[in-house]
Protein backbone atom coordinates (compact mmCIF):
# COMPACT_ATOMS: atom_id res chain seq x y z
CA MET A 1 71.52 24.84 -6.97
CA THR A 2 71.42 21.08 -6.77
CA ALA A 3 71.17 19.34 -10.11
CA PRO A 4 68.15 17.09 -10.58
CA ALA A 5 68.81 13.45 -9.91
CA SER A 6 69.16 11.24 -12.96
CA PRO A 7 66.36 8.73 -13.40
CA VAL A 8 67.14 5.20 -12.30
CA LEU A 9 66.15 2.68 -14.94
CA PRO A 10 65.31 -0.75 -13.47
CA SER A 11 66.42 -3.95 -15.11
CA ALA A 12 63.95 -6.17 -16.97
CA ALA A 13 63.76 -8.43 -13.91
CA TRP A 14 61.48 -5.94 -12.19
CA ILE A 15 58.62 -6.93 -14.53
CA GLU A 16 58.48 -10.28 -12.73
CA GLN A 17 57.77 -8.43 -9.48
CA LEU A 18 54.78 -6.49 -10.83
CA PRO A 19 51.35 -7.38 -9.38
CA ALA A 20 49.85 -6.58 -12.78
CA SER A 21 49.88 -9.12 -15.57
CA VAL A 22 52.28 -8.28 -18.43
CA ALA A 23 52.76 -10.14 -21.71
CA MET A 24 54.86 -9.44 -24.80
CA LEU A 25 53.56 -10.46 -28.19
CA VAL A 26 55.17 -10.65 -31.59
CA GLY A 27 52.51 -10.90 -34.22
CA ASP A 28 49.78 -13.09 -32.75
CA THR A 29 52.15 -15.13 -30.61
CA VAL A 30 52.93 -14.70 -26.91
CA ARG A 31 56.73 -14.38 -26.49
CA TYR A 32 56.80 -13.56 -22.81
CA ALA A 33 54.45 -13.55 -19.80
CA ASN A 34 55.41 -12.44 -16.33
CA ALA A 35 54.59 -14.37 -13.16
CA ALA A 36 51.37 -12.44 -12.54
CA ALA A 37 50.17 -13.22 -16.08
CA LEU A 38 50.96 -16.92 -15.65
CA ARG A 39 49.01 -16.97 -12.37
CA LEU A 40 46.09 -15.15 -13.96
CA LEU A 41 45.95 -17.66 -16.82
CA ARG A 42 46.32 -20.60 -14.40
CA ALA A 43 49.47 -21.80 -16.20
CA GLN A 44 51.38 -24.67 -14.65
CA GLN A 45 54.54 -23.65 -16.50
CA PRO A 46 55.56 -20.82 -18.87
CA GLY A 47 55.19 -23.09 -21.87
CA ASP A 48 51.44 -23.24 -21.26
CA VAL A 49 51.33 -19.61 -22.40
CA VAL A 50 54.61 -18.63 -24.08
CA GLY A 51 54.69 -19.68 -27.73
CA LYS A 52 50.89 -19.93 -27.89
CA SER A 53 48.71 -17.85 -30.19
CA VAL A 54 46.45 -15.29 -28.54
CA GLU A 55 43.54 -17.11 -30.17
CA ALA A 56 43.96 -19.80 -27.50
CA PHE A 57 43.05 -17.31 -24.76
CA ILE A 58 40.59 -14.81 -26.25
CA HIS A 59 36.87 -15.37 -26.61
CA PRO A 60 35.94 -15.84 -30.28
CA LEU A 61 33.48 -12.93 -30.18
CA ASP A 62 36.19 -10.58 -28.89
CA LEU A 63 39.11 -11.99 -30.94
CA HIS A 64 38.69 -9.69 -33.94
CA ARG A 65 38.57 -6.59 -31.72
CA ALA A 66 41.61 -7.74 -29.71
CA LEU A 67 43.71 -8.45 -32.81
CA ALA A 68 42.74 -5.09 -34.30
CA ARG A 69 44.05 -3.36 -31.20
CA LEU A 70 47.29 -5.33 -31.35
CA ARG A 71 47.73 -4.26 -34.99
CA HIS A 72 47.08 -0.67 -33.93
CA ALA A 73 49.79 -0.94 -31.28
CA GLU A 74 52.22 -2.44 -33.82
CA GLY A 75 51.68 0.65 -35.94
CA GLY A 76 52.93 2.81 -33.13
CA GLY A 77 49.63 3.67 -31.45
CA ILE A 78 48.81 3.36 -27.79
CA ASN A 79 45.59 1.51 -27.03
CA PRO A 80 43.42 2.75 -24.19
CA VAL A 81 42.04 0.24 -21.72
CA THR A 82 39.39 -2.05 -23.13
CA GLU A 83 37.61 -5.05 -21.69
CA ILE A 84 37.77 -8.39 -23.44
CA ARG A 85 36.48 -11.84 -22.62
CA ALA A 86 39.18 -14.46 -22.29
CA TYR A 87 39.96 -17.99 -21.02
CA THR A 88 42.52 -19.48 -18.67
CA CYS A 89 44.66 -22.41 -19.67
CA THR A 90 42.00 -24.63 -18.08
CA GLY A 91 39.18 -23.02 -20.06
CA ALA A 92 37.72 -20.97 -17.18
CA PRO A 93 36.19 -17.66 -18.32
CA LEU A 94 37.88 -14.35 -17.53
CA MET A 95 37.04 -10.72 -18.06
CA LEU A 96 40.24 -8.73 -18.65
CA ALA A 97 40.97 -5.02 -18.87
CA MET A 98 43.76 -4.78 -21.52
CA SER A 99 46.03 -1.95 -22.54
CA SER A 100 48.93 -2.20 -25.03
CA ALA A 101 51.74 -0.24 -26.61
CA ILE A 102 54.67 -0.89 -29.01
CA VAL A 103 58.19 -1.60 -27.65
CA GLU A 104 61.54 -2.21 -29.37
CA MET A 105 63.37 -5.33 -28.21
CA ASP A 106 66.48 -6.78 -29.85
CA ASP A 107 65.81 -4.72 -32.95
CA GLN A 108 62.37 -6.26 -33.14
CA ARG A 109 59.05 -4.53 -32.73
CA ALA A 110 56.79 -6.20 -30.17
CA VAL A 111 53.58 -5.34 -28.36
CA LEU A 112 53.68 -4.96 -24.61
CA ALA A 113 50.23 -5.71 -23.15
CA THR A 114 49.05 -5.35 -19.56
CA PHE A 115 46.00 -7.07 -18.11
CA LEU A 116 43.83 -6.58 -15.03
CA ASP A 117 41.43 -9.28 -13.87
CA MET A 118 37.93 -7.78 -14.02
CA THR A 119 36.10 -11.09 -13.71
CA GLU A 120 34.70 -10.51 -10.25
CA ARG A 121 33.71 -6.96 -11.08
CA ALA A 122 32.02 -8.12 -14.27
CA ALA A 123 30.19 -10.84 -12.33
CA MET A 124 29.10 -8.26 -9.77
CA GLU A 125 27.90 -5.94 -12.51
CA GLN A 126 26.00 -8.82 -14.07
CA ARG A 127 24.41 -9.59 -10.71
CA LEU A 128 23.49 -5.94 -10.32
CA ARG A 129 22.00 -5.85 -13.80
CA GLN A 130 20.09 -9.04 -13.07
CA THR A 131 18.88 -7.64 -9.77
CA ASP A 132 17.79 -4.45 -11.48
CA GLU A 133 16.02 -6.41 -14.21
CA ASP A 134 14.31 -8.60 -11.61
CA PHE A 135 13.27 -5.48 -9.67
CA GLN A 136 11.88 -3.80 -12.78
CA ARG A 137 10.06 -6.96 -13.82
CA MET A 138 8.54 -7.24 -10.36
CA MET A 139 7.56 -3.56 -10.39
CA ASN A 140 6.01 -3.92 -13.85
CA THR A 141 3.85 -6.87 -12.77
CA MET A 142 2.80 -5.65 -9.31
CA GLN A 143 -0.86 -4.89 -8.65
CA ASP A 144 -0.02 -2.98 -5.48
CA VAL A 145 1.86 0.30 -5.67
CA PHE A 146 5.47 0.43 -4.46
CA TYR A 147 6.67 3.96 -3.76
CA ARG A 148 9.50 5.94 -2.21
CA THR A 149 9.56 9.54 -0.98
CA ASP A 150 12.33 11.75 0.37
CA ALA A 151 12.40 13.54 3.73
CA GLN A 152 10.32 16.40 2.29
CA GLY A 153 7.60 14.02 1.13
CA ILE A 154 8.46 14.34 -2.57
CA THR A 155 7.81 11.18 -4.58
CA ARG A 156 11.12 9.85 -5.89
CA TYR A 157 9.90 6.52 -7.24
CA VAL A 158 6.56 4.88 -7.89
CA CYS A 159 5.95 1.68 -9.83
CA PRO A 160 3.88 1.52 -13.04
CA ALA A 161 0.90 -0.06 -11.22
CA VAL A 162 -0.04 3.43 -10.06
CA LYS A 163 -1.53 4.06 -13.52
CA ASN A 164 -4.14 1.34 -12.96
CA VAL A 165 -5.05 2.70 -9.52
CA LEU A 166 -4.86 6.49 -9.71
CA GLY A 167 -4.94 7.03 -13.48
CA TYR A 168 -1.59 8.87 -13.50
CA THR A 169 1.58 7.46 -15.04
CA ALA A 170 4.60 7.04 -12.80
CA GLU A 171 6.37 9.83 -14.70
CA GLU A 172 3.52 12.24 -13.91
CA ILE A 173 3.76 11.51 -10.18
CA ILE A 174 7.53 11.41 -9.63
CA GLY A 175 8.70 14.79 -8.38
CA LEU A 176 5.33 15.73 -6.87
CA PRO A 177 4.50 15.79 -3.14
CA ALA A 178 2.79 12.58 -2.04
CA ALA A 179 0.38 14.76 -0.08
CA ALA A 180 -1.00 16.14 -3.35
CA PHE A 181 -3.04 12.97 -3.82
CA TYR A 182 -4.64 12.95 -0.37
CA PRO A 183 -8.15 14.46 -0.11
CA ASP A 184 -7.46 15.30 3.53
CA LEU A 185 -3.93 16.45 4.44
CA ALA A 186 -4.59 15.51 8.07
CA GLU A 187 -4.63 11.84 7.02
CA ARG A 188 -1.20 12.20 5.39
CA ASP A 189 0.15 14.01 8.45
CA ALA A 190 -1.15 11.23 10.70
CA LEU A 191 0.63 8.63 8.56
CA VAL A 192 3.96 10.48 8.63
CA ALA A 193 3.68 11.04 12.38
CA GLU A 194 3.05 7.34 12.95
CA ILE A 195 6.05 6.36 10.80
CA ARG A 196 8.34 8.84 12.57
CA LYS A 197 7.16 7.52 15.93
CA HIS A 198 7.34 3.78 15.27
CA GLY A 199 9.63 3.54 12.25
CA ALA A 200 7.02 1.64 10.24
CA VAL A 201 3.30 1.04 9.83
CA HIS A 202 1.33 -1.97 8.63
CA ASP A 203 -2.09 -1.77 6.97
CA PHE A 204 -2.47 1.88 7.92
CA PRO A 205 -5.82 3.14 6.58
CA GLY A 206 -5.99 6.11 4.27
CA ARG A 207 -7.64 7.61 1.21
CA MET A 208 -6.43 9.01 -2.10
CA ARG A 209 -7.98 10.97 -4.93
CA ARG A 210 -7.83 9.47 -8.42
CA ARG A 211 -7.28 11.49 -11.55
CA ASP A 212 -11.04 11.45 -12.22
CA GLY A 213 -11.71 12.88 -8.75
CA VAL A 214 -13.03 9.67 -7.20
CA ILE A 215 -11.86 9.05 -3.63
CA ILE A 216 -10.54 5.54 -3.01
CA ASP A 217 -9.67 3.69 0.20
CA ILE A 218 -6.09 2.50 0.55
CA SER A 219 -4.06 0.42 2.98
CA ILE A 220 -0.43 1.44 3.52
CA SER A 221 2.49 -0.66 4.76
CA THR A 222 5.70 1.34 4.84
CA GLN A 223 8.87 2.07 6.77
CA ALA A 224 11.14 5.00 7.40
CA LEU A 225 14.40 5.44 5.47
CA ARG A 226 17.52 6.67 7.26
CA ASP A 227 20.65 8.31 5.88
CA GLU A 228 24.21 7.37 6.84
CA ARG A 229 23.88 9.48 9.99
CA GLY A 230 20.63 7.89 11.04
CA ASN A 231 18.52 10.92 10.17
CA TYR A 232 15.04 10.54 8.68
CA ALA A 233 15.40 10.46 4.89
CA GLY A 234 11.90 9.56 3.72
CA VAL A 235 9.77 6.45 3.44
CA GLU A 236 9.31 3.50 1.15
CA GLY A 237 6.63 0.89 1.08
CA ILE A 238 3.51 -0.41 -0.57
CA TRP A 239 -0.06 0.80 -0.69
CA ARG A 240 -3.00 -0.97 -2.19
CA ASP A 241 -6.49 -0.06 -3.29
CA ILE A 242 -8.95 -1.58 -0.80
CA THR A 243 -12.03 0.31 -1.97
CA GLU A 244 -13.88 -2.87 -2.87
CA ARG A 245 -12.88 -4.52 0.40
CA LYS A 246 -14.14 -1.49 2.33
CA ARG A 247 -17.38 -1.56 0.38
CA LEU A 248 -17.90 -5.21 1.26
CA GLU A 249 -17.03 -4.53 4.90
CA ARG A 250 -19.57 -1.72 5.03
CA GLN A 251 -22.12 -3.95 3.35
CA LEU A 252 -21.49 -6.74 5.86
CA GLU A 253 -21.64 -4.26 8.72
CA HIS A 254 -24.94 -2.98 7.36
CA LEU A 255 -26.30 -6.52 7.13
CA ALA A 256 -25.13 -7.24 10.67
CA THR A 257 -26.63 -4.08 12.21
CA ARG A 258 -29.71 -3.41 10.08
CA ASP A 259 -33.16 -4.92 10.15
CA SER A 260 -33.67 -6.73 6.85
CA LEU A 261 -37.31 -5.66 6.51
CA THR A 262 -37.19 -1.97 7.47
CA GLY A 263 -33.52 -1.04 6.93
CA ILE A 264 -33.25 0.61 10.35
CA HIS A 265 -31.16 -0.65 13.28
CA ASN A 266 -31.92 -4.24 14.26
CA ARG A 267 -32.48 -5.29 17.86
CA ARG A 268 -28.84 -6.03 18.67
CA SER A 269 -27.62 -2.78 17.10
CA ILE A 270 -30.18 -0.44 18.71
CA LEU A 271 -29.69 -1.98 22.16
CA SER A 272 -25.90 -1.69 21.77
CA THR A 273 -26.37 1.96 20.80
CA LEU A 274 -28.52 2.53 23.87
CA GLU A 275 -25.84 1.03 26.12
CA GLN A 276 -23.23 3.34 24.58
CA ARG A 277 -25.44 6.40 25.00
CA LEU A 278 -26.09 5.54 28.65
CA GLN A 279 -22.36 5.31 29.37
CA ARG A 280 -21.96 8.96 28.44
CA LYS A 281 -24.14 9.95 31.42
CA ALA A 282 -25.72 12.71 29.29
CA PRO A 283 -29.47 13.57 29.23
CA LEU A 284 -31.33 10.89 27.33
CA SER A 285 -34.94 9.91 26.67
CA VAL A 286 -36.33 6.75 25.15
CA LEU A 287 -39.55 6.10 23.24
CA LEU A 288 -40.90 2.58 22.96
CA LEU A 289 -43.36 2.47 20.02
CA ASP A 290 -45.86 -0.31 19.36
CA LEU A 291 -48.37 -0.43 16.49
CA ASP A 292 -51.94 -0.79 17.72
CA PHE A 293 -53.94 -3.87 16.69
CA PHE A 294 -51.21 -5.07 14.35
CA LYS A 295 -52.49 -8.67 14.53
CA ARG A 296 -55.67 -7.52 12.80
CA ILE A 297 -53.60 -6.17 9.92
CA ASN A 298 -51.79 -9.50 9.52
CA ASP A 299 -55.05 -11.40 9.71
CA ARG A 300 -56.71 -9.19 7.11
CA PHE A 301 -53.91 -8.54 4.65
CA GLY A 302 -51.58 -11.45 5.33
CA HIS A 303 -47.95 -11.34 6.33
CA ALA A 304 -46.97 -9.60 3.07
CA GLY A 305 -49.37 -6.79 3.87
CA GLY A 306 -48.15 -6.70 7.45
CA ASP A 307 -44.56 -6.47 6.30
CA CYS A 308 -45.48 -3.60 3.99
CA VAL A 309 -47.11 -1.74 6.89
CA LEU A 310 -44.05 -2.25 9.11
CA HIS A 311 -41.75 -1.01 6.35
CA ARG A 312 -43.86 2.10 5.65
CA PHE A 313 -44.27 2.85 9.37
CA ALA A 314 -40.52 2.60 9.96
CA GLY A 315 -39.91 4.90 7.01
CA LEU A 316 -42.35 7.45 8.35
CA ILE A 317 -40.77 7.57 11.81
CA ASP A 318 -37.28 7.59 10.31
CA GLN A 319 -38.26 10.59 8.23
CA GLU A 320 -39.89 12.46 11.11
CA ARG A 321 -37.21 11.85 13.76
CA ARG A 322 -34.38 14.25 14.51
CA SER A 323 -31.14 13.52 12.67
CA ARG A 324 -29.17 12.97 15.87
CA ASP A 325 -31.59 10.35 17.24
CA ASP A 326 -31.27 6.57 16.75
CA PHE A 327 -34.16 4.40 15.60
CA GLY A 328 -34.39 0.63 15.57
CA ARG A 329 -36.73 -2.34 15.50
CA LEU A 330 -36.83 -4.52 18.60
CA GLY A 331 -38.96 -7.19 16.95
CA GLY A 332 -42.46 -7.70 15.55
CA GLU A 333 -44.28 -4.36 15.65
CA GLU A 334 -42.19 -2.91 18.47
CA PHE A 335 -39.67 -0.12 17.85
CA LEU A 336 -37.21 1.92 19.93
CA LEU A 337 -36.30 5.57 19.41
CA ILE A 338 -33.38 7.03 21.41
CA LEU A 339 -33.70 10.80 21.87
CA ASP A 340 -30.22 12.18 22.39
CA GLY A 341 -30.10 15.07 24.90
CA ALA A 342 -33.91 15.33 25.25
CA ASP A 343 -35.45 16.01 28.67
CA ALA A 344 -38.93 14.83 29.66
CA ALA A 345 -40.74 17.87 28.20
CA GLU A 346 -38.96 17.74 24.85
CA ALA A 347 -39.35 13.96 24.66
CA LEU A 348 -43.11 14.26 25.24
CA GLN A 349 -43.37 16.90 22.52
CA ILE A 350 -41.49 14.69 20.04
CA ALA A 351 -43.55 11.62 20.97
CA GLU A 352 -46.84 13.45 20.45
CA ARG A 353 -45.66 14.77 17.08
CA LEU A 354 -44.77 11.26 15.94
CA ARG A 355 -48.04 9.79 17.23
CA ALA A 356 -50.03 12.42 15.37
CA ALA A 357 -48.03 11.90 12.16
CA VAL A 358 -48.79 8.18 12.20
CA SER A 359 -52.53 8.56 12.80
CA ALA A 360 -52.82 11.31 10.18
CA GLN A 361 -51.37 9.35 7.30
CA ALA A 362 -52.97 6.26 5.79
CA ILE A 363 -50.53 3.63 4.51
CA ALA A 364 -51.10 2.42 0.96
CA LEU A 365 -50.59 -1.28 0.26
CA PRO A 366 -49.30 -2.64 -3.08
CA ASP A 367 -52.81 -3.84 -4.02
CA GLY A 368 -54.18 -0.31 -3.70
CA GLN A 369 -55.86 -0.72 -0.33
CA GLU A 370 -55.10 1.62 2.53
CA VAL A 371 -54.49 0.98 6.20
CA GLN A 372 -55.09 3.53 8.92
CA LEU A 373 -52.60 3.13 11.77
CA THR A 374 -52.21 4.33 15.32
CA VAL A 375 -49.26 3.86 17.62
CA SER A 376 -48.90 3.65 21.39
CA ILE A 377 -45.73 5.11 22.90
CA GLY A 378 -44.05 4.52 26.25
CA LEU A 379 -41.70 7.30 27.32
CA THR A 380 -38.94 7.37 29.93
CA GLN A 381 -35.65 9.13 30.73
CA ALA A 382 -32.29 7.71 31.69
CA GLN A 383 -31.67 7.95 35.42
CA PRO A 384 -28.40 7.98 37.44
CA ALA A 385 -29.39 4.74 39.21
CA ASP A 386 -29.80 2.81 35.93
CA HIS A 387 -27.44 -0.14 35.63
CA GLY A 388 -27.91 -0.48 31.90
CA ALA A 389 -30.33 -0.60 29.01
CA SER A 390 -32.53 -3.20 30.70
CA ASP A 391 -33.52 -0.75 33.45
CA VAL A 392 -34.51 1.92 30.94
CA LEU A 393 -36.41 -0.52 28.73
CA LEU A 394 -38.31 -1.90 31.72
CA ARG A 395 -39.65 1.56 32.57
CA ALA A 396 -40.43 2.29 28.91
CA ASP A 397 -42.27 -1.02 28.62
CA ARG A 398 -44.36 -0.25 31.70
CA ALA A 399 -45.20 3.17 30.26
CA LEU A 400 -46.17 1.53 26.95
CA TYR A 401 -48.41 -0.92 28.82
CA ARG A 402 -50.22 2.03 30.45
CA ALA A 403 -50.74 3.62 27.05
CA LYS A 404 -52.32 0.40 25.80
CA GLN A 405 -54.46 0.10 28.90
CA GLN A 406 -55.68 3.67 28.55
CA GLY A 407 -57.04 3.10 25.06
CA ARG A 408 -54.01 3.12 22.74
CA ASP A 409 -53.01 5.88 20.29
CA ARG A 410 -51.46 7.84 23.13
CA VAL A 411 -48.16 8.62 24.89
CA CYS A 412 -47.55 7.66 28.51
CA GLY A 413 -44.53 8.32 30.67
């Protein structure tokens, strides 16, 4: 059996070759520093370090802790690595990782200390802490909701603003499926499908349910997350509550498409609807309604009374019409009713029912007086040769004219 090789003990000169910084201290004074230590401390010559007290290099707030560790080493202990703040010979700040132990040299006890430069790591950690603090501050002050989910749709992060929007704290939401807050799962599926297809979405519309059960409108801008292999790993982005914006949009749309007096479709809206219905090439009938002798009402009761009559008449027809039909005011006392899917026979039946309902019900004015109304109705059907709404309206107008000529309070086709 081969005997184990005896260990080879290097000479002291090898310390100069170490990449780590080494210093030997007696008491509080540096007695030796290797080349790496001199470079670390930016010394021009050994005398800039050797013979100096450690107080010249250690930050005042860390000096007591550093000296205590040196005393511990002098007593025979071995100090684990600790980080201390220090200075170079030029006064530049350093962050050092120091470890020390006792050594015997020339019958004298000394402390052998090793140092690693942690300045850049400390600066990086500080930058990371600052970045994290900035991120948290931003998240804490956001009005919109920043969120992140994993590939399974589980919420992994949501900012505190969610409490103001949904009524749940972030802690209550994290760990739950994002889909749990959607009133219609199909809307969530559509969002995920769009993200998977395009990688991101901007101002994607959606809805969520608040803690109190109220459904709110939201706008989502988000992007897909990928793992190191490029696989889908979830999404992150921002969504905001746009309920008020949607309400205003609906209000503006209502103002743009509704007659201000009667609340039904205005001229532009009802004619646009007629054009759309005609493009479907499906069975369609149209009723053109005109109040009989309306000028007499205006002359007798004034424009306020006339407006009241128009409003009550529109309400009556709106109540009597079928839910799938569209009703609008063309102007003055003239109205248009689009009968979806009605043939000539059904349209005539509906028109006669409406005419009878109008003549059977007196309209009460605010001053207590009553007005008895009749209405003349022109009826026509959409035809394959029609080029648009104008062709249909022309026939309906001619039919209405015949109804007027034949004595009013009647339906003509």
